[in-house]
PDB file of N, CA and C in Angstrom:
ATOM      1  N   UNK A   1    -149.295 134.744 134.186  1.00  0.00           N
ATOM      2  CA  UNK A   1    -148.116 135.108 133.420  1.00  0.00           C
ATOM      3  C   UNK A   1    -146.876 134.657 134.197  1.00  0.00           C
ATOM      4  N   UNK A   2    -146.013 133.945 133.530  1.00  0.00           N
ATOM      5  CA  UNK A   2    -144.812 133.427 134.172  1.00  0.00           C
ATOM      6  C   UNK A   2    -143.812 134.562 134.391  1.00  0.00           C
ATOM      7  N   UNK A   3    -143.251 134.710 135.602  1.00  0.00           N
ATOM      8  CA  UNK A   3    -142.282 135.778 135.840  1.00  0.00           C
ATOM      9  C   UNK A   3    -141.017 135.542 135.021  1.00  0.00           C
ATOM     10  N   UNK A   4    -140.409 136.629 134.609  1.00  0.00           N
ATOM     11  CA  UNK A   4    -139.177 136.559 133.834  1.00  0.00           C
ATOM     12  C   UNK A   4    -138.019 136.202 134.750  1.00  0.00           C
ATOM     13  N   UNK A   5    -137.080 135.466 134.222  1.00  0.00           N
ATOM     14  CA  UNK A   5    -135.873 135.121 134.973  1.00  0.00           C
ATOM     15  C   UNK A   5    -134.992 136.362 135.075  1.00  0.00           C
ATOM     16  N   UNK A   6    -134.227 136.517 136.163  1.00  0.00           N
ATOM     17  CA  UNK A   6    -133.340 137.678 136.277  1.00  0.00           C
ATOM     18  C   UNK A   6    -132.396 137.824 135.094  1.00  0.00           C
ATOM     19  N   UNK A   7    -131.948 136.710 134.513  1.00  0.00           N
ATOM     20  CA  UNK A   7    -131.054 136.817 133.358  1.00  0.00           C
ATOM     21  C   UNK A   7    -131.775 137.424 132.157  1.00  0.00           C
ATOM     22  N   UNK A   8    -133.078 137.129 131.996  1.00  0.00           N
ATOM     23  CA  UNK A   8    -133.859 137.744 130.921  1.00  0.00           C
ATOM     24  C   UNK A   8    -133.968 139.244 131.134  1.00  0.00           C
ATOM     25  N   UNK A   9    -134.195 139.642 132.378  1.00  0.00           N
ATOM     26  CA  UNK A   9    -134.300 141.067 132.684  1.00  0.00           C
ATOM     27  C   UNK A   9    -132.975 141.773 132.430  1.00  0.00           C
ATOM     28  N   UNK A  10    -131.866 141.134 132.805  1.00  0.00           N
ATOM     29  CA  UNK A  10    -130.556 141.730 132.591  1.00  0.00           C
ATOM     30  C   UNK A  10    -130.327 141.985 131.106  1.00  0.00           C
ATOM     31  N   UNK A  11    -130.672 141.023 130.264  1.00  0.00           N
ATOM     32  CA  UNK A  11    -130.500 141.204 128.820  1.00  0.00           C
ATOM     33  C   UNK A  11    -131.344 142.369 128.313  1.00  0.00           C
ATOM     34  N   UNK A  12    -132.584 142.487 128.809  1.00  0.00           N
ATOM     35  CA  UNK A  12    -133.444 143.600 128.386  1.00  0.00           C
ATOM     36  C   UNK A  12    -132.903 144.936 128.869  1.00  0.00           C
ATOM     37  N   UNK A  13    -132.424 145.004 130.127  1.00  0.00           N
ATOM     38  CA  UNK A  13    -131.871 146.252 130.655  1.00  0.00           C
ATOM     39  C   UNK A  13    -130.632 146.660 129.866  1.00  0.00           C
ATOM     40  N   UNK A  14    -129.755 145.698 129.569  1.00  0.00           N
ATOM     41  CA  UNK A  14    -128.540 146.017 128.814  1.00  0.00           C
ATOM     42  C   UNK A  14    -128.886 146.508 127.415  1.00  0.00           C
ATOM     43  N   UNK A  15    -129.850 145.860 126.759  1.00  0.00           N
ATOM     44  CA  UNK A  15    -130.262 146.282 125.424  1.00  0.00           C
ATOM     45  C   UNK A  15    -130.797 147.716 125.470  1.00  0.00           C
ATOM     46  N   UNK A  16    -131.590 148.020 126.496  1.00  0.00           N
ATOM     47  CA  UNK A  16    -132.131 149.368 126.643  1.00  0.00           C
ATOM     48  C   UNK A  16    -131.020 150.373 126.914  1.00  0.00           C
ATOM     49  N   UNK A  17    -130.058 150.008 127.766  1.00  0.00           N
ATOM     50  CA  UNK A  17    -128.974 150.926 128.116  1.00  0.00           C
ATOM     51  C   UNK A  17    -128.066 151.205 126.930  1.00  0.00           C
ATOM     52  N   UNK A  18    -127.964 150.270 125.985  1.00  0.00           N
ATOM     53  CA  UNK A  18    -127.090 150.445 124.834  1.00  0.00           C
ATOM     54  C   UNK A  18    -127.719 151.299 123.749  1.00  0.00           C
ATOM     55  N   UNK A  19    -129.014 151.521 123.807  1.00  0.00           N
ATOM     56  CA  UNK A  19    -129.679 152.329 122.787  1.00  0.00           C
ATOM     57  C   UNK A  19    -129.233 153.782 122.918  1.00  0.00           C
ATOM     58  N   UNK A  20    -129.126 154.487 121.781  1.00  0.00           N
ATOM     59  CA  UNK A  20    -128.721 155.891 121.857  1.00  0.00           C
ATOM     60  C   UNK A  20    -129.750 156.717 122.623  1.00  0.00           C
ATOM     61  N   UNK A  21    -129.255 157.648 123.390  1.00  0.00           N
ATOM     62  CA  UNK A  21    -130.128 158.520 124.168  1.00  0.00           C
ATOM     63  C   UNK A  21    -130.706 159.611 123.256  1.00  0.00           C
ATOM     64  N   UNK A  22    -131.976 159.979 123.438  1.00  0.00           N
ATOM     65  CA  UNK A  22    -132.538 161.048 122.615  1.00  0.00           C
ATOM     66  C   UNK A  22    -131.860 162.376 122.952  1.00  0.00           C
ATOM     67  N   UNK A  23    -131.685 163.187 121.952  1.00  0.00           N
ATOM     68  CA  UNK A  23    -131.048 164.488 122.159  1.00  0.00           C
ATOM     69  C   UNK A  23    -132.051 165.446 122.801  1.00  0.00           C
ATOM     70  N   UNK A  24    -131.548 166.273 123.687  1.00  0.00           N
ATOM     71  CA  UNK A  24    -132.398 167.276 124.332  1.00  0.00           C
ATOM     72  C   UNK A  24    -132.681 168.393 123.337  1.00  0.00           C
ATOM     73  N   UNK A  25    -133.884 168.889 123.373  1.00  0.00           N
ATOM     74  CA  UNK A  25    -134.284 169.984 122.498  1.00  0.00           C
ATOM     75  C   UNK A  25    -134.542 171.195 123.376  1.00  0.00           C
ATOM     76  N   UNK A  26    -133.940 172.308 123.014  1.00  0.00           N
ATOM     77  CA  UNK A  26    -134.126 173.532 123.788  1.00  0.00           C
ATOM     78  C   UNK A  26    -135.560 174.030 123.640  1.00  0.00           C
ATOM     79  N   UNK A  27    -136.120 174.473 124.733  1.00  0.00           N
ATOM     80  CA  UNK A  27    -137.467 175.039 124.703  1.00  0.00           C
ATOM     81  C   UNK A  27    -137.424 176.410 124.047  1.00  0.00           C
ATOM     82  N   UNK A  28    -138.461 176.768 123.305  1.00  0.00           N
ATOM     83  CA  UNK A  28    -138.467 178.094 122.684  1.00  0.00           C
ATOM     84  C   UNK A  28    -138.500 179.179 123.754  1.00  0.00           C
ATOM     85  N   UNK A  29    -137.892 180.303 123.423  1.00  0.00           N
ATOM     86  CA  UNK A  29    -137.871 181.437 124.351  1.00  0.00           C
ATOM     87  C   UNK A  29    -139.281 181.974 124.554  1.00  0.00           C
ATOM     88  N   UNK A  30    -139.619 182.254 125.805  1.00  0.00           N
ATOM     89  CA  UNK A  30    -140.919 182.818 126.147  1.00  0.00           C
ATOM     90  C   UNK A  30    -140.727 184.315 126.332  1.00  0.00           C
ATOM     91  N   UNK A  31    -141.619 185.088 125.732  1.00  0.00           N
ATOM     92  CA  UNK A  31    -141.469 186.541 125.779  1.00  0.00           C
ATOM     93  C   UNK A  31    -141.828 187.133 127.135  1.00  0.00           C
ATOM     94  N   UNK A  32    -142.711 186.503 127.886  1.00  0.00           N
ATOM     95  CA  UNK A  32    -143.100 187.075 129.171  1.00  0.00           C
ATOM     96  C   UNK A  32    -142.017 186.776 130.215  1.00  0.00           C
ATOM     97  N   UNK A  33    -141.784 187.721 131.132  1.00  0.00           N
ATOM     98  CA  UNK A  33    -140.757 187.518 132.160  1.00  0.00           C
ATOM     99  C   UNK A  33    -141.235 186.658 133.326  1.00  0.00           C
ATOM    100  N   UNK A  34    -142.363 185.974 133.174  1.00  0.00           N
ATOM    101  CA  UNK A  34    -142.905 185.162 134.265  1.00  0.00           C
ATOM    102  C   UNK A  34    -141.956 183.995 134.560  1.00  0.00           C
ATOM    103  N   UNK A  35    -141.810 183.658 135.848  1.00  0.00           N
ATOM    104  CA  UNK A  35    -140.929 182.538 136.186  1.00  0.00           C
ATOM    105  C   UNK A  35    -141.487 181.226 135.647  1.00  0.00           C
ATOM    106  N   UNK A  36    -140.586 180.322 135.319  1.00  0.00           N
ATOM    107  CA  UNK A  36    -141.023 179.033 134.785  1.00  0.00           C
ATOM    108  C   UNK A  36    -141.608 178.176 135.904  1.00  0.00           C
ATOM    109  N   UNK A  37    -142.675 177.483 135.592  1.00  0.00           N
ATOM    110  CA  UNK A  37    -143.298 176.584 136.557  1.00  0.00           C
ATOM    111  C   UNK A  37    -142.479 175.304 136.637  1.00  0.00           C
ATOM    112  N   UNK A  38    -142.403 174.756 137.819  1.00  0.00           N
ATOM    113  CA  UNK A  38    -141.694 173.492 138.008  1.00  0.00           C
ATOM    114  C   UNK A  38    -142.494 172.390 137.323  1.00  0.00           C
ATOM    115  N   UNK A  39    -141.828 171.513 136.544  1.00  0.00           N
ATOM    116  CA  UNK A  39    -142.582 170.454 135.872  1.00  0.00           C
ATOM    117  C   UNK A  39    -143.257 169.515 136.868  1.00  0.00           C
ATOM    118  N   UNK A  40    -144.424 169.059 136.497  1.00  0.00           N
ATOM    119  CA  UNK A  40    -145.163 168.155 137.365  1.00  0.00           C
ATOM    120  C   UNK A  40    -144.508 166.775 137.307  1.00  0.00           C
ATOM    121  N   UNK A  41    -144.282 166.190 138.458  1.00  0.00           N
ATOM    122  CA  UNK A  41    -143.665 164.874 138.547  1.00  0.00           C
ATOM    123  C   UNK A  41    -144.714 163.792 138.313  1.00  0.00           C
ATOM    124  N   UNK A  42    -144.278 162.658 137.807  1.00  0.00           N
ATOM    125  CA  UNK A  42    -145.150 161.520 137.579  1.00  0.00           C
ATOM    126  C   UNK A  42    -144.674 160.388 138.480  1.00  0.00           C
ATOM    127  N   UNK A  43    -145.581 159.781 139.213  1.00  0.00           N
ATOM    128  CA  UNK A  43    -145.248 158.684 140.115  1.00  0.00           C
ATOM    129  C   UNK A  43    -145.876 157.408 139.578  1.00  0.00           C
ATOM    130  N   UNK A  44    -145.133 156.321 139.692  1.00  0.00           N
ATOM    131  CA  UNK A  44    -145.681 155.028 139.313  1.00  0.00           C
ATOM    132  C   UNK A  44    -145.251 154.000 140.338  1.00  0.00           C
ATOM    133  N   UNK A  45    -146.012 152.940 140.429  1.00  0.00           N
ATOM    134  CA  UNK A  45    -145.736 151.871 141.375  1.00  0.00           C
ATOM    135  C   UNK A  45    -145.448 150.601 140.596  1.00  0.00           C
ATOM    136  N   UNK A  46    -144.452 149.870 141.067  1.00  0.00           N
ATOM    137  CA  UNK A  46    -144.051 148.635 140.408  1.00  0.00           C
ATOM    138  C   UNK A  46    -143.906 147.560 141.472  1.00  0.00           C
ATOM    139  N   UNK A  47    -144.629 146.467 141.334  1.00  0.00           N
ATOM    140  CA  UNK A  47    -144.537 145.357 142.285  1.00  0.00           C
ATOM    141  C   UNK A  47    -143.516 144.350 141.764  1.00  0.00           C
ATOM    142  N   UNK A  48    -142.486 144.080 142.569  1.00  0.00           N
ATOM    143  CA  UNK A  48    -141.427 143.150 142.183  1.00  0.00           C
ATOM    144  C   UNK A  48    -141.268 142.071 143.237  1.00  0.00           C
ATOM    145  N   UNK A  49    -140.822 140.912 142.779  1.00  0.00           N
ATOM    146  CA  UNK A  49    -140.435 139.881 143.722  1.00  0.00           C
ATOM    147  C   UNK A  49    -139.099 140.294 144.329  1.00  0.00           C
ATOM    148  N   UNK A  50    -138.754 139.806 145.531  1.00  0.00           N
ATOM    149  CA  UNK A  50    -137.500 140.205 146.181  1.00  0.00           C
ATOM    150  C   UNK A  50    -136.263 140.004 145.299  1.00  0.00           C
ATOM    151  N   UNK A  51    -136.193 138.920 144.552  1.00  0.00           N
ATOM    152  CA  UNK A  51    -135.024 138.681 143.691  1.00  0.00           C
ATOM    153  C   UNK A  51    -134.948 139.721 142.574  1.00  0.00           C
ATOM    154  N   UNK A  52    -136.093 140.089 142.008  1.00  0.00           N
ATOM    155  CA  UNK A  52    -136.113 141.107 140.961  1.00  0.00           C
ATOM    156  C   UNK A  52    -135.715 142.472 141.534  1.00  0.00           C
ATOM    157  N   UNK A  53    -136.165 142.767 142.745  1.00  0.00           N
ATOM    158  CA  UNK A  53    -135.833 144.036 143.379  1.00  0.00           C
ATOM    159  C   UNK A  53    -134.325 144.136 143.629  1.00  0.00           C
ATOM    160  N   UNK A  54    -133.729 143.064 144.162  1.00  0.00           N
ATOM    161  CA  UNK A  54    -132.271 143.048 144.382  1.00  0.00           C
ATOM    162  C   UNK A  54    -131.527 143.243 143.071  1.00  0.00           C
ATOM    163  N   UNK A  55    -131.987 142.558 142.022  1.00  0.00           N
ATOM    164  CA  UNK A  55    -131.352 142.690 140.719  1.00  0.00           C
ATOM    165  C   UNK A  55    -131.423 144.138 140.224  1.00  0.00           C
ATOM    166  N   UNK A  56    -132.598 144.746 140.310  1.00  0.00           N
ATOM    167  CA  UNK A  56    -132.773 146.121 139.820  1.00  0.00           C
ATOM    168  C   UNK A  56    -131.914 147.103 140.610  1.00  0.00           C
ATOM    169  N   UNK A  57    -131.844 146.928 141.938  1.00  0.00           N
ATOM    170  CA  UNK A  57    -131.009 147.807 142.754  1.00  0.00           C
ATOM    171  C   UNK A  57    -129.536 147.659 142.374  1.00  0.00           C
ATOM    172  N   UNK A  58    -129.074 146.413 142.186  1.00  0.00           N
ATOM    173  CA  UNK A  58    -127.686 146.177 141.814  1.00  0.00           C
ATOM    174  C   UNK A  58    -127.399 146.730 140.414  1.00  0.00           C
ATOM    175  N   UNK A  59    -128.329 146.555 139.489  1.00  0.00           N
ATOM    176  CA  UNK A  59    -128.156 147.068 138.126  1.00  0.00           C
ATOM    177  C   UNK A  59    -128.038 148.590 138.148  1.00  0.00           C
ATOM    178  N   UNK A  60    -128.878 149.270 138.919  1.00  0.00           N
ATOM    179  CA  UNK A  60    -128.826 150.722 139.015  1.00  0.00           C
ATOM    180  C   UNK A  60    -127.508 151.171 139.658  1.00  0.00           C
ATOM    181  N   UNK A  61    -127.074 150.464 140.680  1.00  0.00           N
ATOM    182  CA  UNK A  61    -125.817 150.806 141.350  1.00  0.00           C
ATOM    183  C   UNK A  61    -124.644 150.697 140.374  1.00  0.00           C
ATOM    184  N   UNK A  62    -124.596 149.601 139.610  1.00  0.00           N
ATOM    185  CA  UNK A  62    -123.518 149.416 138.654  1.00  0.00           C
ATOM    186  C   UNK A  62    -123.575 150.415 137.513  1.00  0.00           C
ATOM    187  N   UNK A  63    -124.773 150.863 137.160  1.00  0.00           N
ATOM    188  CA  UNK A  63    -124.934 151.851 136.079  1.00  0.00           C
ATOM    189  C   UNK A  63    -124.720 153.276 136.591  1.00  0.00           C
ATOM    190  N   UNK A  64    -124.653 153.440 137.922  1.00  0.00           N
ATOM    191  CA  UNK A  64    -124.426 154.770 138.492  1.00  0.00           C
ATOM    192  C   UNK A  64    -125.633 155.683 138.411  1.00  0.00           C
ATOM    193  N   UNK A  65    -126.833 155.104 138.471  1.00  0.00           N
ATOM    194  CA  UNK A  65    -128.061 155.897 138.413  1.00  0.00           C
ATOM    195  C   UNK A  65    -128.941 155.588 139.619  1.00  0.00           C
ATOM    196  N   UNK A  66    -129.926 156.433 139.849  1.00  0.00           N
ATOM    197  CA  UNK A  66    -130.889 156.187 140.925  1.00  0.00           C
ATOM    198  C   UNK A  66    -131.800 155.033 140.530  1.00  0.00           C
ATOM    199  N   UNK A  67    -132.159 154.227 141.498  1.00  0.00           N
ATOM    200  CA  UNK A  67    -133.084 153.135 141.210  1.00  0.00           C
ATOM    201  C   UNK A  67    -134.480 153.686 140.996  1.00  0.00           C
TER     202      UNK A  67
END
């Protein structure tokens, strides 16, 4: 599979960033006074070429979000 050019990735990231964000839905009230459990985190691994990694870090920095 041919790697995508950084400009292709930029267009995809911008298109994704321009999409409306889903609205948060309040969780229903729970009758028991038990403390809420912390949500389980999901970890994933992504292998990038150095140029793609630099691009993603710069894109996140400019968007003001964590990479």
